PDB file of N, CA and C in Angstrom:
ATOM      1  N   MET A   1     -16.409   4.922  -1.044  1.00  0.00           N
ATOM      2  CA  MET A   1     -15.545   3.928  -1.641  1.00  0.00           C
ATOM      3  C   MET A   1     -15.482   2.717  -0.711  1.00  0.00           C
ATOM      4  N   GLN A   2     -15.617   1.550  -1.275  1.00  0.00           N
ATOM      5  CA  GLN A   2     -15.616   0.322  -0.498  1.00  0.00           C
ATOM      6  C   GLN A   2     -14.179  -0.157  -0.247  1.00  0.00           C
ATOM      7  N   LYS A   3     -14.028  -0.947   0.803  1.00  0.00           N
ATOM      8  CA  LYS A   3     -12.721  -1.471   1.184  1.00  0.00           C
ATOM      9  C   LYS A   3     -12.079  -2.255   0.045  1.00  0.00           C
ATOM     10  N   ILE A   4     -12.846  -3.077  -0.635  1.00  0.00           N
ATOM     11  CA  ILE A   4     -12.307  -3.900  -1.719  1.00  0.00           C
ATOM     12  C   ILE A   4     -11.819  -3.043  -2.879  1.00  0.00           C
ATOM     13  N   GLU A   5     -12.470  -1.918  -3.131  1.00  0.00           N
ATOM     14  CA  GLU A   5     -12.034  -1.015  -4.192  1.00  0.00           C
ATOM     15  C   GLU A   5     -10.674  -0.417  -3.869  1.00  0.00           C
ATOM     16  N   ILE A   6     -10.483  -0.036  -2.624  1.00  0.00           N
ATOM     17  CA  ILE A   6      -9.203   0.531  -2.205  1.00  0.00           C
ATOM     18  C   ILE A   6      -8.105  -0.520  -2.314  1.00  0.00           C
ATOM     19  N   GLU A   7      -8.412  -1.745  -1.913  1.00  0.00           N
ATOM     20  CA  GLU A   7      -7.424  -2.823  -2.014  1.00  0.00           C
ATOM     21  C   GLU A   7      -7.017  -3.060  -3.469  1.00  0.00           C
ATOM     22  N   LYS A   8      -7.961  -2.961  -4.391  1.00  0.00           N
ATOM     23  CA  LYS A   8      -7.646  -3.123  -5.813  1.00  0.00           C
ATOM     24  C   LYS A   8      -6.748  -1.999  -6.312  1.00  0.00           C
ATOM     25  N   ILE A   9      -7.011  -0.790  -5.856  1.00  0.00           N
ATOM     26  CA  ILE A   9      -6.185   0.350  -6.247  1.00  0.00           C
ATOM     27  C   ILE A   9      -4.765   0.185  -5.710  1.00  0.00           C
ATOM     28  N   VAL A  10      -4.650  -0.217  -4.449  1.00  0.00           N
ATOM     29  CA  VAL A  10      -3.328  -0.433  -3.845  1.00  0.00           C
ATOM     30  C   VAL A  10      -2.571  -1.502  -4.633  1.00  0.00           C
ATOM     31  N   GLN A  11      -3.232  -2.609  -4.939  1.00  0.00           N
ATOM     32  CA  GLN A  11      -2.576  -3.689  -5.692  1.00  0.00           C
ATOM     33  C   GLN A  11      -2.149  -3.209  -7.079  1.00  0.00           C
ATOM     34  N   ALA A  12      -2.978  -2.419  -7.727  1.00  0.00           N
ATOM     35  CA  ALA A  12      -2.640  -1.898  -9.056  1.00  0.00           C
ATOM     36  C   ALA A  12      -1.414  -0.989  -8.988  1.00  0.00           C
ATOM     37  N   ARG A  13      -1.316  -0.139  -7.948  1.00  0.00           N
ATOM     38  CA  ARG A  13      -0.154   0.739  -7.826  1.00  0.00           C
ATOM     39  C   ARG A  13       1.118  -0.059  -7.551  1.00  0.00           C
ATOM     40  N   ILE A  14       1.006  -1.143  -6.790  1.00  0.00           N
ATOM     41  CA  ILE A  14       2.167  -1.997  -6.532  1.00  0.00           C
ATOM     42  C   ILE A  14       2.622  -2.660  -7.833  1.00  0.00           C
ATOM     43  N   GLU A  15       1.676  -3.128  -8.626  1.00  0.00           N
ATOM     44  CA  GLU A  15       2.017  -3.728  -9.913  1.00  0.00           C
ATOM     45  C   GLU A  15       2.663  -2.698 -10.839  1.00  0.00           C
ATOM     46  N   ASP A  16       2.149  -1.474 -10.840  1.00  0.00           N
ATOM     47  CA  ASP A  16       2.756  -0.403 -11.637  1.00  0.00           C
ATOM     48  C   ASP A  16       4.182  -0.137 -11.170  1.00  0.00           C
ATOM     49  N   ALA A  17       4.383  -0.137  -9.863  1.00  0.00           N
ATOM     50  CA  ALA A  17       5.716   0.095  -9.305  1.00  0.00           C
ATOM     51  C   ALA A  17       6.680  -1.014  -9.732  1.00  0.00           C
ATOM     52  N   GLU A  18       6.212  -2.243  -9.790  1.00  0.00           N
ATOM     53  CA  GLU A  18       7.062  -3.360 -10.223  1.00  0.00           C
ATOM     54  C   GLU A  18       7.489  -3.188 -11.685  1.00  0.00           C
ATOM     55  N   VAL A  19       6.565  -2.729 -12.518  1.00  0.00           N
ATOM     56  CA  VAL A  19       6.894  -2.497 -13.928  1.00  0.00           C
ATOM     57  C   VAL A  19       7.962  -1.410 -14.037  1.00  0.00           C
ATOM     58  N   LEU A  20       7.792  -0.332 -13.297  1.00  0.00           N
ATOM     59  CA  LEU A  20       8.784   0.745 -13.325  1.00  0.00           C
ATOM     60  C   LEU A  20      10.134   0.272 -12.806  1.00  0.00           C
ATOM     61  N   TYR A  21      10.118  -0.543 -11.764  1.00  0.00           N
ATOM     62  CA  TYR A  21      11.361  -1.065 -11.196  1.00  0.00           C
ATOM     63  C   TYR A  21      12.110  -1.916 -12.220  1.00  0.00           C
ATOM     64  N   LYS A  22      11.383  -2.780 -12.913  1.00  0.00           N
ATOM     65  CA  LYS A  22      12.007  -3.642 -13.927  1.00  0.00           C
ATOM     66  C   LYS A  22      12.567  -2.835 -15.090  1.00  0.00           C
ATOM     67  N   ALA A  23      12.012  -1.636 -15.313  1.00  0.00           N
ATOM     68  CA  ALA A  23      12.496  -0.744 -16.368  1.00  0.00           C
ATOM     69  C   ALA A  23      13.584   0.198 -15.851  1.00  0.00           C
ATOM     70  N   SER A  24      14.063  -0.053 -14.646  1.00  0.00           N
ATOM     71  CA  SER A  24      15.106   0.764 -13.993  1.00  0.00           C
ATOM     72  C   SER A  24      14.671   2.205 -13.770  1.00  0.00           C
ATOM     73  N   LEU A  25      13.385   2.423 -13.610  1.00  0.00           N
ATOM     74  CA  LEU A  25      12.839   3.739 -13.282  1.00  0.00           C
ATOM     75  C   LEU A  25      12.543   3.755 -11.786  1.00  0.00           C
ATOM     76  N   PHE A  26      13.614   3.821 -11.012  1.00  0.00           N
ATOM     77  CA  PHE A  26      13.527   3.614  -9.574  1.00  0.00           C
ATOM     78  C   PHE A  26      12.780   4.718  -8.831  1.00  0.00           C
ATOM     79  N   ASP A  27      12.969   5.964  -9.260  1.00  0.00           N
ATOM     80  CA  ASP A  27      12.274   7.065  -8.576  1.00  0.00           C
ATOM     81  C   ASP A  27      10.760   6.903  -8.658  1.00  0.00           C
ATOM     82  N   GLY A  28      10.269   6.593  -9.837  1.00  0.00           N
ATOM     83  CA  GLY A  28       8.833   6.387 -10.006  1.00  0.00           C
ATOM     84  C   GLY A  28       8.342   5.178  -9.242  1.00  0.00           C
ATOM     85  N   SER A  29       9.164   4.142  -9.213  1.00  0.00           N
ATOM     86  CA  SER A  29       8.805   2.926  -8.496  1.00  0.00           C
ATOM     87  C   SER A  29       8.668   3.187  -6.999  1.00  0.00           C
ATOM     88  N   VAL A  30       9.645   3.889  -6.443  1.00  0.00           N
ATOM     89  CA  VAL A  30       9.598   4.210  -5.012  1.00  0.00           C
ATOM     90  C   VAL A  30       8.401   5.105  -4.703  1.00  0.00           C
ATOM     91  N   TYR A  31       8.135   6.065  -5.571  1.00  0.00           N
ATOM     92  CA  TYR A  31       7.004   6.966  -5.367  1.00  0.00           C
ATOM     93  C   TYR A  31       5.690   6.184  -5.312  1.00  0.00           C
ATOM     94  N   LEU A  32       5.496   5.271  -6.267  1.00  0.00           N
ATOM     95  CA  LEU A  32       4.248   4.506  -6.293  1.00  0.00           C
ATOM     96  C   LEU A  32       4.139   3.551  -5.110  1.00  0.00           C
ATOM     97  N   CYS A  33       5.257   2.995  -4.674  1.00  0.00           N
ATOM     98  CA  CYS A  33       5.229   2.145  -3.468  1.00  0.00           C
ATOM     99  C   CYS A  33       4.795   2.965  -2.254  1.00  0.00           C
ATOM    100  N   GLY A  34       5.337   4.156  -2.141  1.00  0.00           N
ATOM    101  CA  GLY A  34       4.954   5.034  -1.035  1.00  0.00           C
ATOM    102  C   GLY A  34       3.484   5.414  -1.100  1.00  0.00           C
ATOM    103  N   TYR A  35       3.005   5.678  -2.316  1.00  0.00           N
ATOM    104  CA  TYR A  35       1.592   6.016  -2.500  1.00  0.00           C
ATOM    105  C   TYR A  35       0.713   4.839  -2.087  1.00  0.00           C
ATOM    106  N   ALA A  36       1.113   3.633  -2.485  1.00  0.00           N
ATOM    107  CA  ALA A  36       0.340   2.431  -2.133  1.00  0.00           C
ATOM    108  C   ALA A  36       0.325   2.228  -0.620  1.00  0.00           C
ATOM    109  N   MET A  37       1.474   2.435   0.012  1.00  0.00           N
ATOM    110  CA  MET A  37       1.537   2.293   1.472  1.00  0.00           C
ATOM    111  C   MET A  37       0.641   3.321   2.156  1.00  0.00           C
ATOM    112  N   GLU A  38       0.712   4.557   1.698  1.00  0.00           N
ATOM    113  CA  GLU A  38      -0.113   5.619   2.295  1.00  0.00           C
ATOM    114  C   GLU A  38      -1.595   5.293   2.160  1.00  0.00           C
ATOM    115  N   LEU A  39      -1.998   4.872   0.988  1.00  0.00           N
ATOM    116  CA  LEU A  39      -3.400   4.543   0.761  1.00  0.00           C
ATOM    117  C   LEU A  39      -3.827   3.353   1.616  1.00  0.00           C
ATOM    118  N   GLY A  40      -2.961   2.359   1.729  1.00  0.00           N
ATOM    119  CA  GLY A  40      -3.265   1.197   2.560  1.00  0.00           C
ATOM    120  C   GLY A  40      -3.409   1.563   4.031  1.00  0.00           C
ATOM    121  N   LEU A  41      -2.542   2.435   4.516  1.00  0.00           N
ATOM    122  CA  LEU A  41      -2.637   2.870   5.913  1.00  0.00           C
ATOM    123  C   LEU A  41      -3.899   3.705   6.156  1.00  0.00           C
ATOM    124  N   LYS A  42      -4.235   4.564   5.205  1.00  0.00           N
ATOM    125  CA  LYS A  42      -5.454   5.354   5.340  1.00  0.00           C
ATOM    126  C   LYS A  42      -6.686   4.447   5.337  1.00  0.00           C
ATOM    127  N   GLN A  43      -6.658   3.431   4.487  1.00  0.00           N
ATOM    128  CA  GLN A  43      -7.763   2.481   4.442  1.00  0.00           C
ATOM    129  C   GLN A  43      -7.884   1.755   5.777  1.00  0.00           C
ATOM    130  N   ALA A  44      -6.753   1.325   6.326  1.00  0.00           N
ATOM    131  CA  ALA A  44      -6.773   0.623   7.607  1.00  0.00           C
ATOM    132  C   ALA A  44      -7.333   1.527   8.699  1.00  0.00           C
ATOM    133  N   ARG A  45      -6.936   2.768   8.691  1.00  0.00           N
ATOM    134  CA  ARG A  45      -7.426   3.726   9.692  1.00  0.00           C
ATOM    135  C   ARG A  45      -8.932   3.962   9.519  1.00  0.00           C
ATOM    136  N   PHE A  46      -9.348   4.154   8.279  1.00  0.00           N
ATOM    137  CA  PHE A  46     -10.746   4.460   7.996  1.00  0.00           C
ATOM    138  C   PHE A  46     -11.658   3.285   8.357  1.00  0.00           C
ATOM    139  N   PHE A  47     -11.215   2.078   8.049  1.00  0.00           N
ATOM    140  CA  PHE A  47     -12.040   0.903   8.315  1.00  0.00           C
ATOM    141  C   PHE A  47     -11.717   0.271   9.665  1.00  0.00           C
ATOM    142  N   SER A  48     -10.927   0.955  10.490  1.00  0.00           N
ATOM    143  CA  SER A  48     -10.584   0.513  11.844  1.00  0.00           C
ATOM    144  C   SER A  48     -10.000  -0.900  11.881  1.00  0.00           C
ATOM    145  N   VAL A  49      -9.090  -1.139  10.982  1.00  0.00           N
ATOM    146  CA  VAL A  49      -8.391  -2.424  10.945  1.00  0.00           C
ATOM    147  C   VAL A  49      -7.066  -2.261  11.674  1.00  0.00           C
ATOM    148  N   ARG A  50      -6.719  -3.241  12.486  1.00  0.00           N
ATOM    149  CA  ARG A  50      -5.448  -3.180  13.193  1.00  0.00           C
ATOM    150  C   ARG A  50      -4.311  -3.392  12.195  1.00  0.00           C
ATOM    151  N   VAL A  51      -3.378  -2.447  12.166  1.00  0.00           N
ATOM    152  CA  VAL A  51      -2.242  -2.525  11.262  1.00  0.00           C
ATOM    153  C   VAL A  51      -1.094  -3.282  11.918  1.00  0.00           C
ATOM    154  N   LEU A  52      -0.858  -3.015  13.175  1.00  0.00           N
ATOM    155  CA  LEU A  52       0.240  -3.642  13.897  1.00  0.00           C
ATOM    156  C   LEU A  52      -0.307  -4.632  14.914  1.00  0.00           C
ATOM    157  N   PRO A  53       0.377  -5.748  15.083  1.00  0.00           N
ATOM    158  CA  PRO A  53      -0.092  -6.705  16.113  1.00  0.00           C
ATOM    159  C   PRO A  53       0.116  -6.149  17.517  1.00  0.00           C
ATOM    160  N   GLU A  54      -0.663  -6.644  18.415  1.00  0.00           N
ATOM    161  CA  GLU A  54      -0.511  -6.206  19.800  1.00  0.00           C
ATOM    162  C   GLU A  54       0.814  -6.708  20.364  1.00  0.00           C
ATOM    163  N   GLN A  55       1.402  -5.894  21.223  1.00  0.00           N
ATOM    164  CA  GLN A  55       2.654  -6.315  21.862  1.00  0.00           C
ATOM    165  C   GLN A  55       2.311  -7.246  23.012  1.00  0.00           C
ATOM    166  N   LYS A  56       3.060  -8.310  23.108  1.00  0.00           N
ATOM    167  CA  LYS A  56       2.861  -9.264  24.187  1.00  0.00           C
ATOM    168  C   LYS A  56       4.027  -9.152  25.156  1.00  0.00           C
ATOM    169  N   SER A  57       3.730  -9.037  26.406  1.00  0.00           N
ATOM    170  CA  SER A  57       4.802  -9.003  27.391  1.00  0.00           C
ATOM    171  C   SER A  57       5.000 -10.400  27.969  1.00  0.00           C
ATOM    172  N   PHE A  58       6.233 -10.714  28.258  1.00  0.00           N
ATOM    173  CA  PHE A  58       6.564 -12.043  28.766  1.00  0.00           C
ATOM    174  C   PHE A  58       6.692 -12.032  30.261  1.00  0.00           C
TER     175      PHE A  58
END
């Protein structure tokens, strides 16, 4: 699976979650948001993309 395909899936799940939220189906909305986050984090790990910025010391 290519990176762009995963990004499309994540975006689609977020859009689905928004529809559920607007319909006051909050449990389903939260579930899909969590699924999208999990998939996005797995994609970042798999493609070795930095998720968090580096900490800078002053």
